[in-house]
């Protein structure tokens, strides 16, 4: 009873803290927008980060989620909030012992040859400990923080509040589907049994890819809130940002394959592609480390991505409209189509030129796609706005996240050539059959 009361008290304190912080953002931005009251955005953004800095949960992902919606928050807030996930503090050993007892029983320590007390990494929903299995295998044990279900629901309500504020002042993007899609993906991330299946799915799809490595699940040491997998040795990609051009190009090439091969051969994307989700081996092959935020698409959606590429390449408006409608866009006027094509032309630009180049060659902001996104946003606002379909939300977010990684790597490779290798034999019906077979093998239902 006391433990339940402590959890309830903790949730009340969290709601109050989060509500005050987010409410402060709302009030200040509303004052700036409606009343013309100037604020020190950089200072206030730093205050907000400090107010939220000790919290566990998906609020540490808000900046990444909002970055797919231009001007949902000013740049200063996105930059500050982006630091939250990277600086997540770990929980101590007493917490770990309690959580591990809940997941594996009182004798849990006897089921490992060794289990490190200090977390190797900490993130928004859980932390990772190094361990050794009885057979000597090095393990990564991902342990979820307590009461994350309630925390996620609380944070999703706050996100809905942010979107409501955004919507009252700006109708360029209808965020209804955005919030629904984010909500479903975050709830899925709480289920480590599902994540284990995602991991096995990637092992199937990338099994023949020599330069990409996926850990193995250890089912007897896993549960719904504990995921044990083999430890993959490697260095963080941050270590390579100042490496020579050849090294950075090789890492980018491997990352391109790791991300896009599962999409075109399985209809699957990793919807959270940031530097912390990968490490590199001495040969610059990549280790994939996190499989919580995965989106699986029907084959028709993948066909739509290829159709839109061909539409932009051939300036075929009719095919572009078909692609947008395949994804679920409705109410498309000629002006809105032209505006959406501006964004598509930016995203597909590296794939249209058969030469080595940077992923983004011109942008004054230094943030991947920011200038184009803001132009698209302004035009959509003038044209009455658009409602992005749910399937589009994480595809767009992932493309921006991945482009940002390539931008930071300053990679110069032939994106056109790599893309065409992946799509040259694409067939929608063939993908549908393969997807059905692979998903069944790992126990995942499409759309489930």
Protein backbone atom coordinates (compact mmCIF):
# COMPACT_ATOMS: atom_id res chain seq x y z
CA UNK A 1 0.00 0.00 0.00
CA UNK A 2 2.83 2.36 0.92
CA UNK A 3 4.58 1.59 -2.38
CA UNK A 4 1.38 2.42 -4.33
CA UNK A 5 1.07 5.67 -2.39
CA UNK A 6 4.70 6.53 -3.17
CA UNK A 7 4.10 5.91 -6.87
CA UNK A 8 0.92 8.02 -6.77
CA UNK A 9 2.73 10.83 -4.96
CA UNK A 10 5.55 10.61 -7.48
CA UNK A 11 3.11 10.89 -10.39
CA UNK A 12 1.39 13.90 -8.80
CA UNK A 13 4.74 15.63 -8.34
CA UNK A 14 5.69 14.81 -11.94
CA UNK A 15 2.42 16.13 -13.35
CA UNK A 16 2.83 19.34 -11.38
CA UNK A 17 6.43 19.79 -12.46
CA UNK A 18 5.78 19.02 -16.10
CA UNK A 19 2.57 21.06 -16.18
CA UNK A 20 4.31 24.09 -14.70
CA UNK A 21 7.23 23.85 -17.13
CA UNK A 22 5.10 23.31 -20.25
CA UNK A 23 2.55 25.86 -19.09
CA UNK A 24 5.34 28.40 -18.76
CA UNK A 25 6.39 27.77 -22.34
CA UNK A 26 2.80 28.18 -23.49
CA UNK A 27 2.28 31.42 -21.59
CA UNK A 28 5.50 33.03 -22.74
CA UNK A 29 5.11 32.02 -26.38
CA UNK A 30 1.47 33.16 -26.38
CA UNK A 31 2.53 36.49 -24.91
CA UNK A 32 5.19 36.87 -27.57
CA UNK A 33 2.87 35.87 -30.41
CA UNK A 34 -0.38 37.60 -29.38
CA UNK A 35 0.69 40.54 -27.23
CA UNK A 36 4.09 41.22 -28.71
CA UNK A 37 5.81 40.77 -25.33
CA UNK A 38 9.47 39.94 -26.06
CA UNK A 39 11.11 37.07 -24.19
CA UNK A 40 14.65 35.82 -23.86
CA UNK A 41 14.02 32.59 -25.79
CA UNK A 42 17.48 31.16 -25.26
CA UNK A 43 17.38 31.81 -21.51
CA UNK A 44 13.86 30.53 -21.10
CA UNK A 45 14.63 27.43 -23.16
CA UNK A 46 17.58 26.69 -20.88
CA UNK A 47 15.30 27.10 -17.84
CA UNK A 48 12.84 24.63 -19.36
CA UNK A 49 15.60 22.07 -19.95
CA UNK A 50 16.73 22.37 -16.34
CA UNK A 51 13.15 22.01 -15.09
CA UNK A 52 12.64 18.78 -17.04
CA UNK A 53 16.19 17.46 -16.81
CA UNK A 54 15.67 14.96 -13.98
CA UNK A 55 12.54 13.38 -15.40
CA UNK A 56 12.40 9.93 -16.95
CA UNK A 57 10.07 9.21 -19.81
CA UNK A 58 9.23 10.31 -23.33
CA UNK A 59 9.36 14.05 -22.65
CA UNK A 60 13.08 13.64 -23.30
CA UNK A 61 12.09 12.74 -26.88
CA UNK A 62 9.78 15.71 -27.38
CA UNK A 63 12.35 17.81 -29.23
CA UNK A 64 12.97 15.05 -31.77
CA UNK A 65 9.25 14.46 -32.23
CA UNK A 66 8.46 18.15 -32.65
CA UNK A 67 11.33 18.65 -35.08
CA UNK A 68 9.20 17.00 -37.78
CA UNK A 69 6.69 19.86 -37.47
CA UNK A 70 8.37 23.13 -38.43
CA UNK A 71 7.81 25.97 -35.93
CA UNK A 72 5.93 23.78 -33.43
CA UNK A 73 8.59 25.14 -31.09
CA UNK A 74 11.16 27.83 -31.82
CA UNK A 75 14.67 26.67 -32.69
CA UNK A 76 16.04 27.72 -29.31
CA UNK A 77 13.71 25.29 -27.48
CA UNK A 78 14.41 22.39 -29.82
CA UNK A 79 18.17 22.88 -29.37
CA UNK A 80 17.93 22.90 -25.56
CA UNK A 81 15.46 20.02 -25.24
CA UNK A 82 17.57 17.88 -27.55
CA UNK A 83 20.15 17.71 -24.75
CA UNK A 84 17.76 15.93 -22.39
CA UNK A 85 17.96 12.47 -23.95
CA UNK A 86 21.74 12.53 -24.22
CA UNK A 87 22.14 13.52 -20.55
CA UNK A 88 19.61 11.17 -18.92
CA UNK A 89 20.80 10.27 -15.39
CA UNK A 90 20.86 6.56 -14.47
CA UNK A 91 19.05 5.00 -11.51
CA UNK A 92 21.18 3.50 -8.71
CA UNK A 93 21.86 -0.07 -7.63
CA UNK A 94 19.00 -0.34 -5.06
CA UNK A 95 16.57 0.47 -7.86
CA UNK A 96 18.21 -2.06 -10.18
CA UNK A 97 17.98 -4.85 -7.60
CA UNK A 98 14.27 -4.21 -7.01
CA UNK A 99 13.47 -4.05 -10.71
CA UNK A 100 15.47 -7.16 -11.56
CA UNK A 101 13.78 -9.08 -8.73
CA UNK A 102 10.40 -8.07 -10.14
CA UNK A 103 11.36 -9.30 -13.61
CA UNK A 104 13.38 -12.48 -12.95
CA UNK A 105 12.69 -13.41 -9.31
CA UNK A 106 14.69 -13.28 -6.08
CA UNK A 107 17.44 -15.51 -7.43
CA UNK A 108 18.06 -13.30 -10.46
CA UNK A 109 21.73 -12.65 -9.68
CA UNK A 110 22.43 -16.39 -9.76
CA UNK A 111 21.25 -16.45 -13.38
CA UNK A 112 24.23 -14.30 -14.43
CA UNK A 113 27.92 -15.00 -14.13
CA UNK A 114 28.36 -11.26 -13.59
CA UNK A 115 26.12 -8.16 -13.61
CA UNK A 116 27.58 -4.64 -13.42
CA UNK A 117 26.09 -2.38 -10.76
CA UNK A 118 26.60 0.84 -12.70
CA UNK A 119 24.55 1.43 -15.84
CA UNK A 120 26.49 1.55 -19.11
CA UNK A 121 23.88 3.86 -20.64
CA UNK A 122 20.67 5.61 -19.62
CA UNK A 123 17.88 6.92 -21.84
CA UNK A 124 14.28 8.06 -21.65
CA UNK A 125 12.46 4.80 -20.81
CA UNK A 126 15.18 2.62 -19.34
CA UNK A 127 18.88 1.99 -18.75
CA UNK A 128 21.37 -0.62 -19.94
CA UNK A 129 23.71 -2.72 -17.78
CA UNK A 130 26.58 -4.87 -18.94
CA UNK A 131 26.43 -8.49 -17.77
CA UNK A 132 27.87 -11.91 -18.48
CA UNK A 133 25.74 -14.99 -19.15
CA UNK A 134 26.60 -18.35 -17.50
CA UNK A 135 27.96 -19.52 -20.86
CA UNK A 136 30.34 -16.56 -21.00
CA UNK A 137 28.52 -14.41 -23.53
CA UNK A 138 28.76 -10.64 -22.95
CA UNK A 139 25.25 -9.20 -22.53
CA UNK A 140 23.45 -5.87 -22.63
CA UNK A 141 20.48 -5.87 -20.21
CA UNK A 142 17.96 -3.13 -20.93
CA UNK A 143 15.84 -2.47 -17.83
CA UNK A 144 12.73 -0.29 -17.95
CA UNK A 145 12.17 2.38 -15.31
CA UNK A 146 9.23 1.84 -12.92
CA UNK A 147 5.67 2.96 -13.69
CA UNK A 148 6.52 3.97 -17.26
CA UNK A 149 2.98 3.24 -18.45
CA UNK A 150 1.58 6.06 -16.32
CA UNK A 151 4.50 8.33 -17.22
CA UNK A 152 3.99 7.82 -20.95
CA UNK A 153 0.27 8.58 -20.68
CA UNK A 154 1.01 11.73 -18.66
CA UNK A 155 3.59 12.91 -21.16
CA UNK A 156 1.30 12.20 -24.10
CA UNK A 157 -1.32 14.43 -22.48
CA UNK A 158 1.29 17.16 -22.19
CA UNK A 159 2.24 16.66 -25.83
CA UNK A 160 -1.42 16.98 -26.78
CA UNK A 161 -1.50 20.24 -24.82
CA UNK A 162 1.52 21.54 -26.74
CA UNK A 163 -0.12 20.60 -30.04
CA UNK A 164 -3.36 22.32 -28.98
CA UNK A 165 -1.44 25.53 -28.27
CA UNK A 166 0.33 25.18 -31.60
CA UNK A 167 -2.96 24.56 -33.42
CA UNK A 168 -4.72 27.61 -31.97
CA UNK A 169 -2.10 29.91 -33.39
CA UNK A 170 -1.18 28.04 -36.56
CA UNK A 171 -3.34 25.81 -38.76
CA UNK A 172 -0.65 24.84 -41.27
CA UNK A 173 -0.41 21.28 -39.90
CA UNK A 174 -3.33 19.37 -38.37
CA UNK A 175 -1.59 17.45 -35.56
CA UNK A 176 -4.40 14.96 -34.84
CA UNK A 177 -2.79 12.11 -36.75
CA UNK A 178 0.67 13.15 -35.58
CA UNK A 179 -0.33 12.76 -31.93
CA UNK A 180 -2.14 9.47 -32.59
CA UNK A 181 0.90 8.00 -34.35
CA UNK A 182 3.38 9.20 -31.71
CA UNK A 183 1.10 7.78 -28.99
CA UNK A 184 0.96 4.32 -30.56
CA UNK A 185 4.71 4.14 -31.15
CA UNK A 186 5.57 5.27 -27.61
CA UNK A 187 3.18 2.74 -26.08
CA UNK A 188 4.81 0.05 -28.19
CA UNK A 189 8.22 1.05 -26.86
CA UNK A 190 7.10 -0.02 -23.37
CA UNK A 191 6.71 -3.63 -24.53
CA UNK A 192 10.13 -5.26 -24.54
CA UNK A 193 8.65 -8.54 -25.77
CA UNK A 194 7.63 -6.67 -28.90
CA UNK A 195 11.05 -5.05 -29.12
CA UNK A 196 12.65 -8.51 -28.97
CA UNK A 197 10.54 -9.46 -32.00
CA UNK A 198 11.65 -6.27 -33.76
CA UNK A 199 15.25 -7.26 -33.08
CA UNK A 200 14.64 -10.70 -34.58
CA UNK A 201 12.93 -9.07 -37.57
CA UNK A 202 16.02 -6.97 -38.28
CA UNK A 203 18.23 -10.02 -37.88
CA UNK A 204 16.14 -11.70 -40.61
CA UNK A 205 16.20 -8.71 -42.95
CA UNK A 206 19.89 -7.92 -42.48
CA UNK A 207 21.16 -11.49 -42.15
CA UNK A 208 23.19 -11.29 -45.37
CA UNK A 209 24.46 -7.75 -44.81
CA UNK A 210 28.14 -8.14 -43.86
CA UNK A 211 28.58 -4.55 -42.70
CA UNK A 212 25.62 -4.38 -40.30
CA UNK A 213 25.32 -6.34 -37.06
CA UNK A 214 22.26 -7.06 -34.92
CA UNK A 215 22.44 -8.47 -31.36
CA UNK A 216 20.85 -11.79 -30.41
CA UNK A 217 17.99 -11.89 -27.92
CA UNK A 218 18.46 -13.99 -24.77
CA UNK A 219 14.81 -14.97 -24.12
CA UNK A 220 15.40 -16.80 -20.80
CA UNK A 221 16.75 -13.54 -19.33
CA UNK A 222 14.08 -11.27 -20.80
CA UNK A 223 10.55 -10.18 -19.91
CA UNK A 224 8.08 -7.46 -20.84
CA UNK A 225 10.23 -4.86 -19.03
CA UNK A 226 13.68 -6.45 -19.33
CA UNK A 227 15.43 -7.16 -22.62
CA UNK A 228 18.70 -9.09 -22.50
CA UNK A 229 20.72 -9.34 -25.70
CA UNK A 230 24.30 -10.01 -26.70
CA UNK A 231 26.68 -7.08 -26.25
CA UNK A 232 28.13 -5.70 -29.48
CA UNK A 233 31.51 -3.98 -29.08
CA UNK A 234 31.99 -0.73 -30.94
CA UNK A 235 32.75 2.96 -30.66
CA UNK A 236 30.04 5.67 -30.64
CA UNK A 237 29.53 7.39 -33.98
CA UNK A 238 30.29 10.71 -32.27
CA UNK A 239 33.92 9.53 -32.18
CA UNK A 240 34.06 9.56 -35.99
CA UNK A 241 32.66 13.01 -36.74
CA UNK A 242 36.17 14.41 -37.28
CA UNK A 243 37.65 11.32 -38.95
CA UNK A 244 39.01 11.36 -42.49
CA UNK A 245 36.58 11.60 -45.40
CA UNK A 246 36.93 7.95 -46.42
CA UNK A 247 36.05 6.73 -42.92
CA UNK A 248 33.01 9.00 -42.66
CA UNK A 249 31.85 7.96 -46.11
CA UNK A 250 32.12 4.26 -45.25
CA UNK A 251 30.11 4.72 -42.06
CA UNK A 252 27.45 6.69 -43.95
CA UNK A 253 27.24 4.03 -46.66
CA UNK A 254 26.77 1.28 -44.05
CA UNK A 255 24.16 3.37 -42.27
CA UNK A 256 22.28 3.97 -45.52
CA UNK A 257 22.14 0.22 -46.12
CA UNK A 258 21.21 -0.55 -42.51
CA UNK A 259 18.26 1.83 -42.69
CA UNK A 260 16.97 1.53 -46.26
CA UNK A 261 17.49 -2.17 -47.01
CA UNK A 262 14.88 -3.23 -44.38
CA UNK A 263 12.49 -0.64 -45.81
CA UNK A 264 12.65 -1.74 -49.44
CA UNK A 265 12.92 -5.44 -48.66
CA UNK A 266 10.59 -5.62 -45.67
CA UNK A 267 8.58 -2.41 -45.40
CA UNK A 268 10.27 -1.66 -42.06
CA UNK A 269 11.96 1.50 -40.78
CA UNK A 270 13.84 2.42 -37.65
CA UNK A 271 11.93 5.57 -36.71
CA UNK A 272 14.53 6.94 -34.29
CA UNK A 273 17.75 7.20 -36.32
CA UNK A 274 20.18 9.24 -34.23
CA UNK A 275 23.87 8.77 -33.55
CA UNK A 276 23.35 7.13 -30.15
CA UNK A 277 21.54 4.13 -31.64
CA UNK A 278 24.63 2.88 -33.50
CA UNK A 279 28.25 2.02 -32.81
CA UNK A 280 31.03 1.26 -35.29
CA UNK A 281 33.51 -1.62 -35.29
CA UNK A 282 37.21 -1.31 -36.28
CA UNK A 283 36.27 -2.15 -39.90
CA UNK A 284 33.60 0.60 -39.73
CA UNK A 285 30.74 -1.87 -39.98
CA UNK A 286 27.82 -0.87 -37.77
CA UNK A 287 26.12 -2.30 -34.71
CA UNK A 288 22.38 -1.57 -34.36
CA UNK A 289 21.54 -1.12 -30.68
CA UNK A 290 17.93 -0.08 -30.16
CA UNK A 291 14.74 -1.51 -31.69
CA UNK A 292 11.99 0.12 -29.65
CA UNK A 293 10.71 2.66 -32.20
CA UNK A 294 10.02 0.56 -35.31
CA UNK A 295 7.37 1.28 -37.96
CA UNK A 296 6.11 -1.43 -40.33
CA UNK A 297 4.38 -0.33 -43.54
CA UNK A 298 2.22 -2.15 -46.03
CA UNK A 299 3.84 -2.78 -49.42
CA UNK A 300 1.65 -0.14 -51.08
CA UNK A 301 3.27 2.58 -48.94
CA UNK A 302 6.75 1.53 -50.07
CA UNK A 303 5.54 1.57 -53.68
CA UNK A 304 4.28 5.11 -53.05
CA UNK A 305 7.76 6.22 -51.94
CA UNK A 306 9.22 4.94 -55.22
CA UNK A 307 6.33 6.40 -57.24
CA UNK A 308 6.92 9.85 -55.73
CA UNK A 309 10.63 9.64 -56.54
CA UNK A 310 9.79 8.89 -60.17
CA UNK A 311 7.16 11.64 -60.19
CA UNK A 312 9.67 14.24 -59.00
CA UNK A 313 12.32 12.96 -61.41
CA UNK A 314 9.95 13.05 -64.39
CA UNK A 315 7.90 16.09 -63.25
CA UNK A 316 4.80 13.89 -63.38
CA UNK A 317 2.13 15.62 -61.29
CA UNK A 318 -0.45 12.88 -61.81
CA UNK A 319 1.92 10.23 -60.42
CA UNK A 320 2.81 12.50 -57.49
CA UNK A 321 -0.88 12.87 -56.58
CA UNK A 322 -1.27 9.09 -56.81
CA UNK A 323 1.67 8.64 -54.41
CA UNK A 324 0.31 11.15 -51.88
CA UNK A 325 -3.14 9.55 -52.01
CA UNK A 326 -1.58 6.11 -51.58
CA UNK A 327 -0.06 7.38 -48.33
CA UNK A 328 -3.42 8.73 -47.19
CA UNK A 329 -3.32 12.45 -47.96
CA UNK A 330 -6.78 13.90 -48.70
CA UNK A 331 -8.16 17.26 -49.85
CA UNK A 332 -5.22 17.90 -52.16
CA UNK A 333 -5.52 21.11 -54.13
CA UNK A 334 -3.08 22.05 -56.93
CA UNK A 335 -1.43 24.60 -54.60
CA UNK A 336 -1.01 22.08 -51.77
CA UNK A 337 0.41 19.53 -54.21
CA UNK A 338 2.97 22.09 -55.41
CA UNK A 339 3.92 22.82 -51.81
CA UNK A 340 4.25 19.16 -50.85
CA UNK A 341 6.39 18.69 -53.93
CA UNK A 342 8.78 21.35 -52.62
CA UNK A 343 9.44 19.10 -49.64
CA UNK A 344 9.64 15.98 -51.80
CA UNK A 345 12.13 17.68 -54.15
CA UNK A 346 14.35 18.46 -51.16
CA UNK A 347 14.17 14.93 -49.70
CA UNK A 348 14.77 13.23 -53.05
CA UNK A 349 17.40 15.70 -54.33
CA UNK A 350 20.45 13.57 -53.40
CA UNK A 351 18.86 10.58 -55.15
CA UNK A 352 18.33 12.45 -58.42
CA UNK A 353 21.99 13.27 -59.14
CA UNK A 354 24.34 10.50 -60.27
CA UNK A 355 27.40 11.91 -58.50
CA UNK A 356 29.04 12.03 -55.09
CA UNK A 357 27.71 14.90 -52.98
CA UNK A 358 26.71 15.97 -49.48
CA UNK A 359 23.21 14.99 -48.37
CA UNK A 360 22.41 18.71 -48.12
CA UNK A 361 24.47 21.26 -49.99
CA UNK A 362 22.71 24.54 -49.18
CA UNK A 363 20.94 25.55 -45.95
CA UNK A 364 21.56 28.67 -43.89
CA UNK A 365 20.28 27.17 -40.62
CA UNK A 366 22.77 24.32 -40.30
CA UNK A 367 19.83 22.01 -39.44
CA UNK A 368 18.90 19.39 -42.01
CA UNK A 369 15.93 20.61 -44.05
CA UNK A 370 15.07 23.54 -41.80
CA UNK A 371 15.01 26.26 -44.45
CA UNK A 372 12.87 24.19 -46.83
CA UNK A 373 10.58 23.02 -44.02
CA UNK A 374 9.89 26.57 -42.91
CA UNK A 375 9.09 27.64 -46.48
CA UNK A 376 6.72 24.67 -46.87
CA UNK A 377 5.14 25.50 -43.54
CA UNK A 378 4.47 29.12 -44.48
CA UNK A 379 2.89 28.12 -47.79
CA UNK A 380 0.70 25.43 -46.23
CA UNK A 381 -0.52 27.97 -43.69
CA UNK A 382 -1.52 30.32 -46.51
CA UNK A 383 -3.24 27.46 -48.35
CA UNK A 384 -5.43 26.35 -45.43
CA UNK A 385 -3.25 23.60 -44.01
CA UNK A 386 -2.90 19.84 -44.40
CA UNK A 387 -3.38 16.76 -42.20
CA UNK A 388 -0.37 14.42 -42.53
CA UNK A 389 -1.52 10.77 -42.62
CA UNK A 390 -0.40 8.61 -39.72
CA UNK A 391 1.90 6.49 -41.88
CA UNK A 392 3.69 9.60 -43.10
CA UNK A 393 4.57 10.92 -39.62
CA UNK A 394 7.44 8.61 -38.67
CA UNK A 395 8.63 8.11 -42.24
CA UNK A 396 9.16 11.86 -42.47
CA UNK A 397 10.68 12.07 -39.00
CA UNK A 398 13.07 9.21 -39.75
CA UNK A 399 14.15 10.71 -43.09
CA UNK A 400 14.95 14.00 -41.34
CA UNK A 401 16.75 12.24 -38.49
CA UNK A 402 18.84 10.13 -40.86
CA UNK A 403 19.61 13.12 -43.05
CA UNK A 404 20.80 14.94 -39.95
CA UNK A 405 23.21 12.10 -39.17
CA UNK A 406 24.60 12.17 -42.72
CA UNK A 407 24.93 15.94 -42.45
CA UNK A 408 26.94 15.67 -39.21
CA UNK A 409 29.16 13.01 -40.77
CA UNK A 410 29.77 15.38 -43.71
CA UNK A 411 29.52 12.31 -45.92
CA UNK A 412 30.10 12.68 -49.67
CA UNK A 413 28.82 9.61 -51.50
CA UNK A 414 26.75 8.71 -54.54
CA UNK A 415 23.27 8.46 -52.96
CA UNK A 416 21.70 7.93 -56.41
CA UNK A 417 23.76 4.82 -57.02
CA UNK A 418 23.02 3.26 -53.61
CA UNK A 419 19.31 4.01 -53.91
CA UNK A 420 19.00 2.46 -57.36
CA UNK A 421 20.75 -0.72 -56.24
CA UNK A 422 17.98 -1.13 -53.64
CA UNK A 423 14.97 -0.41 -55.86
CA UNK A 424 16.03 -1.84 -59.24
CA UNK A 425 14.23 -5.17 -58.67
CA UNK A 426 11.43 -3.81 -56.47
CA UNK A 427 8.05 -5.41 -56.95
CA UNK A 428 5.09 -4.56 -54.70
CA UNK A 429 3.53 -8.03 -54.86
CA UNK A 430 6.89 -9.67 -54.15
CA UNK A 431 7.43 -7.44 -51.13
CA UNK A 432 3.95 -8.28 -49.84
CA UNK A 433 4.69 -12.01 -49.98
CA UNK A 434 8.13 -11.70 -48.41
CA UNK A 435 6.86 -9.40 -45.69
CA UNK A 436 4.07 -11.81 -44.78
CA UNK A 437 6.56 -14.69 -44.53
CA UNK A 438 9.15 -12.83 -42.43
CA UNK A 439 6.64 -11.22 -40.06
CA UNK A 440 5.00 -14.58 -39.42
CA UNK A 441 8.38 -16.12 -38.65
CA UNK A 442 9.12 -13.58 -35.90
CA UNK A 443 5.56 -13.44 -34.55
CA UNK A 444 4.52 -9.94 -35.66
CA UNK A 445 1.21 -9.06 -37.26
CA UNK A 446 1.19 -6.30 -39.85
CA UNK A 447 -0.70 -3.38 -38.36
CA UNK A 448 -0.84 -5.10 -35.00
